Protein backbone atom coordinates (compact mmCIF):
# COMPACT_ATOMS: atom_id res chain seq x y z
CA MET A 1 93.18 98.83 63.21
CA ARG A 2 90.54 101.60 63.61
CA ARG A 3 91.01 104.27 66.33
CA VAL A 4 88.69 106.65 68.10
CA VAL A 5 89.14 109.60 70.56
CA TRP A 6 87.07 109.65 73.89
CA LYS A 7 86.66 112.52 76.26
CA PHE A 8 87.24 111.98 80.04
CA PRO A 9 86.34 114.86 82.48
CA LEU A 10 88.68 115.53 85.38
CA ARG A 11 88.44 117.61 88.59
CA VAL A 12 91.18 119.82 89.89
CA GLY A 13 93.26 118.44 92.74
CA ARG A 14 91.63 114.99 92.88
CA TYR A 15 93.05 111.64 91.74
CA GLU A 16 90.65 110.60 88.91
CA ARG A 17 90.43 107.09 87.64
CA VAL A 18 89.05 106.93 84.15
CA PRO A 19 87.87 103.73 82.47
CA ALA A 20 90.28 103.92 79.65
CA GLY A 21 92.70 101.39 78.01
CA PRO A 22 95.90 102.03 76.40
CA GLY A 23 96.26 105.01 74.08
CA LYS A 24 97.79 108.34 73.58
CA VAL A 25 96.53 111.40 75.35
CA VAL A 26 95.91 113.73 72.40
CA LEU A 27 94.56 116.83 74.27
CA ALA A 28 94.36 118.02 77.84
CA GLU A 29 92.41 121.17 78.05
CA ILE A 30 89.46 123.13 79.70
CA ASP A 31 86.32 121.74 78.11
CA LEU A 32 84.60 124.79 76.80
CA SER A 33 81.13 123.10 77.11
CA SER A 34 81.46 122.44 80.84
CA GLY A 35 84.30 124.78 82.00
CA ALA A 36 85.95 121.80 83.55
CA PRO A 37 89.37 120.13 82.78
CA ALA A 38 89.29 117.06 80.63
CA VAL A 39 91.58 114.77 78.69
CA TRP A 40 90.92 113.26 75.13
CA ILE A 41 92.52 109.80 74.68
CA GLU A 42 92.96 108.11 71.28
CA GLN A 43 92.18 104.31 71.64
CA GLU A 44 91.51 101.22 69.47
CA ALA A 45 87.98 101.15 68.20
CA GLY A 46 85.97 98.75 70.27
CA GLN A 47 86.97 100.16 73.73
CA VAL A 48 84.10 101.84 75.28
CA PRO A 49 85.11 104.61 77.80
CA ALA A 50 82.27 104.30 80.27
CA PRO A 51 79.69 101.67 81.46
CA PRO A 52 77.66 99.89 80.41
CA PHE A 53 80.07 97.33 78.83
CA GLY A 54 78.99 94.61 76.43
CA GLU A 55 77.37 94.69 73.07
CA MET A 56 76.59 97.97 71.23
CA GLY A 57 75.09 97.35 67.91
CA ASN A 58 77.14 94.81 66.00
CA VAL A 59 80.40 95.70 67.77
CA ALA A 60 81.46 93.79 70.89
CA PHE A 61 83.11 96.13 73.47
CA THR A 62 85.38 95.04 76.14
CA GLU A 63 85.84 96.51 79.59
CA PRO A 64 88.92 98.67 79.44
CA SER A 65 91.44 99.05 82.21
CA SER A 66 91.48 102.19 84.16
CA ARG A 67 94.05 105.09 84.22
CA THR A 68 94.71 107.60 86.88
CA PHE A 69 95.23 111.31 86.41
CA ILE A 70 95.50 114.43 88.42
CA VAL A 71 95.13 118.14 87.61
CA ILE A 72 97.46 120.38 89.69
CA ARG A 73 98.40 124.03 89.94
CA THR A 74 101.72 125.54 88.74
CA GLY A 75 104.32 125.07 91.59
CA ALA A 76 102.61 121.94 93.10
CA GLU A 77 104.85 118.98 93.60
CA VAL A 78 104.24 115.56 92.14
CA ASP A 79 105.97 112.30 92.66
CA GLU A 80 108.32 110.84 89.99
CA ASP A 81 105.94 108.06 89.06
CA TRP A 82 103.63 110.64 87.48
CA THR A 83 104.18 111.75 83.79
CA HIS A 84 103.10 115.16 82.47
CA VAL A 85 100.49 114.89 79.65
CA GLY A 86 99.49 118.37 79.06
CA SER A 87 98.79 121.95 80.50
CA MET A 88 95.69 124.08 80.33
CA ARG A 89 94.77 127.71 81.05
CA ASP A 90 91.48 128.94 82.50
CA ARG A 91 90.71 132.62 82.99
CA THR A 92 93.10 132.97 86.01
CA PHE A 93 95.47 129.87 86.32
CA ILE A 94 97.52 127.40 84.30
CA TRP A 95 96.88 123.79 85.39
CA HIS A 96 98.99 120.69 84.70
CA VAL A 97 97.70 117.23 83.96
CA TYR A 98 99.74 114.24 85.15
CA GLU A 99 99.10 110.50 84.64
CA ARG A 100 100.29 107.88 87.15
CA ALA A 101 102.56 105.22 85.69
CA ALA A 102 100.81 101.83 85.39
CA SER A 103 101.87 99.47 88.21
């Protein structure tokens, strides 16, 4: 099966739902092009990360499920149904990215 990596921008301190299906978070980092946090998720090819959904060329894409992330500062508390997926540094702070367990 073919795989692809997609980037999903995040905002600090906000619950972010991203249109991503199952897959491994391969990187959580400050995106140098925008200066904002982002996660890169490896998924099966054919899952498109953002609308519009449907046909793209000769490949049929399906609407993926959504996943929820939060970016928090060092020392901030998080409930136990969240999993740490990576940390990142900007000029001043270190931020931590957590993903909420699927319910």
